């Protein structure tokens, strides 16, 4: 892989690691459901980015579990953060 192809992965990994670190710090300081959902979504999104990056680099191979002809792990990493963000926003709306 060329440097120009690796650069986006490196930027995603570095910024994702920083944001995930901050999310974990915030998670340890709050027990509100909405903030817990937001922090969990950030951590899961970073895990998805890392798994995608490692697959593209050929360092790991994802299991071939399929749901509706889509990779189950990819589907989880795509849907879970959005569902958690949605749950957090709904929680904020109804508890305010």
C-alpha atoms as a PDB file:
ATOM      1  CA  UNK A   1       0.000   0.000   0.000  1.00  0.00           C
ATOM      2  CA  UNK A   2       1.209   3.464  -0.811  1.00  0.00           C
ATOM      3  CA  UNK A   3       1.571   6.290   1.668  1.00  0.00           C
ATOM      4  CA  UNK A   4      -1.335   8.202   0.130  1.00  0.00           C
ATOM      5  CA  UNK A   5      -3.570   5.143   0.612  1.00  0.00           C
ATOM      6  CA  UNK A   6      -2.474   4.704   4.240  1.00  0.00           C
ATOM      7  CA  UNK A   7      -2.839   8.354   5.216  1.00  0.00           C
ATOM      8  CA  UNK A   8      -6.666   8.352   5.550  1.00  0.00           C
ATOM      9  CA  UNK A   9      -6.474   5.232   7.737  1.00  0.00           C
ATOM     10  CA  UNK A  10      -3.806   6.822   9.919  1.00  0.00           C
ATOM     11  CA  UNK A  11      -5.841  10.016  10.329  1.00  0.00           C
ATOM     12  CA  UNK A  12      -9.005   8.051  11.139  1.00  0.00           C
ATOM     13  CA  UNK A  13      -7.133   5.905  13.655  1.00  0.00           C
ATOM     14  CA  UNK A  14      -5.431   8.856  15.370  1.00  0.00           C
ATOM     15  CA  UNK A  15      -8.518  11.050  15.653  1.00  0.00           C
ATOM     16  CA  UNK A  16     -10.687   8.074  16.571  1.00  0.00           C
ATOM     17  CA  UNK A  17      -8.275   7.052  19.322  1.00  0.00           C
ATOM     18  CA  UNK A  18      -8.270  10.571  20.774  1.00  0.00           C
ATOM     19  CA  UNK A  19     -12.057  10.895  20.683  1.00  0.00           C
ATOM     20  CA  UNK A  20     -12.503   7.399  22.132  1.00  0.00           C
ATOM     21  CA  UNK A  21     -10.091   8.198  24.959  1.00  0.00           C
ATOM     22  CA  UNK A  22     -12.078  11.341  25.760  1.00  0.00           C
ATOM     23  CA  UNK A  23     -15.347   9.387  25.564  1.00  0.00           C
ATOM     24  CA  UNK A  24     -14.030   6.833  28.064  1.00  0.00           C
ATOM     25  CA  UNK A  25     -13.000   9.654  30.407  1.00  0.00           C
ATOM     26  CA  UNK A  26     -16.453  11.236  30.101  1.00  0.00           C
ATOM     27  CA  UNK A  27     -18.091   7.831  30.600  1.00  0.00           C
ATOM     28  CA  UNK A  28     -16.282   7.423  33.921  1.00  0.00           C
ATOM     29  CA  UNK A  29     -17.572  10.801  35.131  1.00  0.00           C
ATOM     30  CA  UNK A  30     -21.283  10.395  34.357  1.00  0.00           C
ATOM     31  CA  UNK A  31     -23.990   7.850  35.005  1.00  0.00           C
ATOM     32  CA  UNK A  32     -26.699   9.475  32.881  1.00  0.00           C
ATOM     33  CA  UNK A  33     -28.216   7.108  30.348  1.00  0.00           C
ATOM     34  CA  UNK A  34     -27.898   9.566  27.471  1.00  0.00           C
ATOM     35  CA  UNK A  35     -24.187  10.209  28.026  1.00  0.00           C
ATOM     36  CA  UNK A  36     -23.515   6.516  28.516  1.00  0.00           C
ATOM     37  CA  UNK A  37     -25.158   5.801  25.146  1.00  0.00           C
ATOM     38  CA  UNK A  38     -23.142   8.521  23.420  1.00  0.00           C
ATOM     39  CA  UNK A  39     -19.867   7.276  24.883  1.00  0.00           C
ATOM     40  CA  UNK A  40     -20.666   3.662  23.976  1.00  0.00           C
ATOM     41  CA  UNK A  41     -21.508   4.740  20.424  1.00  0.00           C
ATOM     42  CA  UNK A  42     -18.149   6.490  20.064  1.00  0.00           C
ATOM     43  CA  UNK A  43     -16.262   3.443  21.363  1.00  0.00           C
ATOM     44  CA  UNK A  44     -18.150   1.063  19.044  1.00  0.00           C
ATOM     45  CA  UNK A  45     -17.606   3.354  16.060  1.00  0.00           C
ATOM     46  CA  UNK A  46     -13.852   3.370  16.758  1.00  0.00           C
ATOM     47  CA  UNK A  47     -13.829  -0.422  17.079  1.00  0.00           C
ATOM     48  CA  UNK A  48     -15.526  -0.611  13.683  1.00  0.00           C
ATOM     49  CA  UNK A  49     -12.959   1.717  12.160  1.00  0.00           C
ATOM     50  CA  UNK A  50     -10.127  -0.372  13.584  1.00  0.00           C
ATOM     51  CA  UNK A  51     -11.607  -3.662  12.353  1.00  0.00           C
ATOM     52  CA  UNK A  52     -12.132  -2.207   8.872  1.00  0.00           C
ATOM     53  CA  UNK A  53      -8.588  -0.863   8.805  1.00  0.00           C
ATOM     54  CA  UNK A  54      -7.081  -4.173   9.930  1.00  0.00           C
ATOM     55  CA  UNK A  55      -9.117  -6.070   7.328  1.00  0.00           C
ATOM     56  CA  UNK A  56      -8.026  -3.761   4.515  1.00  0.00           C
ATOM     57  CA  UNK A  57      -4.415  -4.110   5.602  1.00  0.00           C
ATOM     58  CA  UNK A  58      -4.841  -7.896   5.639  1.00  0.00           C
ATOM     59  CA  UNK A  59      -3.958  -8.314   9.291  1.00  0.00           C
ATOM     60  CA  UNK A  60      -7.266  -9.928  10.278  1.00  0.00           C
ATOM     61  CA  UNK A  61     -10.143 -11.636   8.509  1.00  0.00           C
ATOM     62  CA  UNK A  62     -13.671 -11.031   9.735  1.00  0.00           C
ATOM     63  CA  UNK A  63     -15.900 -14.043  10.323  1.00  0.00           C
ATOM     64  CA  UNK A  64     -18.220 -14.803   7.448  1.00  0.00           C
ATOM     65  CA  UNK A  65     -21.424 -14.705   9.511  1.00  0.00           C
ATOM     66  CA  UNK A  66     -24.100 -13.280   7.233  1.00  0.00           C
ATOM     67  CA  UNK A  67     -27.408 -11.597   7.975  1.00  0.00           C
ATOM     68  CA  UNK A  68     -29.456 -10.862   4.851  1.00  0.00           C
ATOM     69  CA  UNK A  69     -26.296 -11.412   2.766  1.00  0.00           C
ATOM     70  CA  UNK A  70     -24.419  -8.755   4.748  1.00  0.00           C
ATOM     71  CA  UNK A  71     -21.518  -9.373   7.098  1.00  0.00           C
ATOM     72  CA  UNK A  72     -22.982  -9.450  10.618  1.00  0.00           C
ATOM     73  CA  UNK A  73     -20.021  -7.688  12.227  1.00  0.00           C
ATOM     74  CA  UNK A  74     -20.032  -4.902   9.636  1.00  0.00           C
ATOM     75  CA  UNK A  75     -23.764  -4.516  10.158  1.00  0.00           C
ATOM     76  CA  UNK A  76     -23.249  -4.257  13.928  1.00  0.00           C
ATOM     77  CA  UNK A  77     -20.496  -1.645  13.617  1.00  0.00           C
ATOM     78  CA  UNK A  78     -22.689   0.344  11.227  1.00  0.00           C
ATOM     79  CA  UNK A  79     -26.014   0.174  13.070  1.00  0.00           C
ATOM     80  CA  UNK A  80     -25.090   0.122  16.766  1.00  0.00           C
ATOM     81  CA  UNK A  81     -23.620   3.651  16.985  1.00  0.00           C
ATOM     82  CA  UNK A  82     -26.617   5.170  15.209  1.00  0.00           C
ATOM     83  CA  UNK A  83     -29.055   3.278  17.432  1.00  0.00           C
ATOM     84  CA  UNK A  84     -27.177   4.359  20.556  1.00  0.00           C
ATOM     85  CA  UNK A  85     -27.088   7.998  19.418  1.00  0.00           C
ATOM     86  CA  UNK A  86     -30.822   7.787  18.747  1.00  0.00           C
ATOM     87  CA  UNK A  87     -31.481   6.291  22.186  1.00  0.00           C
ATOM     88  CA  UNK A  88     -29.430   9.068  23.770  1.00  0.00           C
ATOM     89  CA  UNK A  89     -31.348  11.797  21.955  1.00  0.00           C
ATOM     90  CA  UNK A  90     -34.701  10.222  22.830  1.00  0.00           C
ATOM     91  CA  UNK A  91     -33.594  10.014  26.464  1.00  0.00           C
ATOM     92  CA  UNK A  92     -32.644  13.699  26.491  1.00  0.00           C
ATOM     93  CA  UNK A  93     -35.952  14.706  24.892  1.00  0.00           C
ATOM     94  CA  UNK A  94     -38.107  12.791  27.366  1.00  0.00           C
ATOM     95  CA  UNK A  95     -36.139  13.526  30.539  1.00  0.00           C
ATOM     96  CA  UNK A  96     -35.857  17.289  30.035  1.00  0.00           C
END
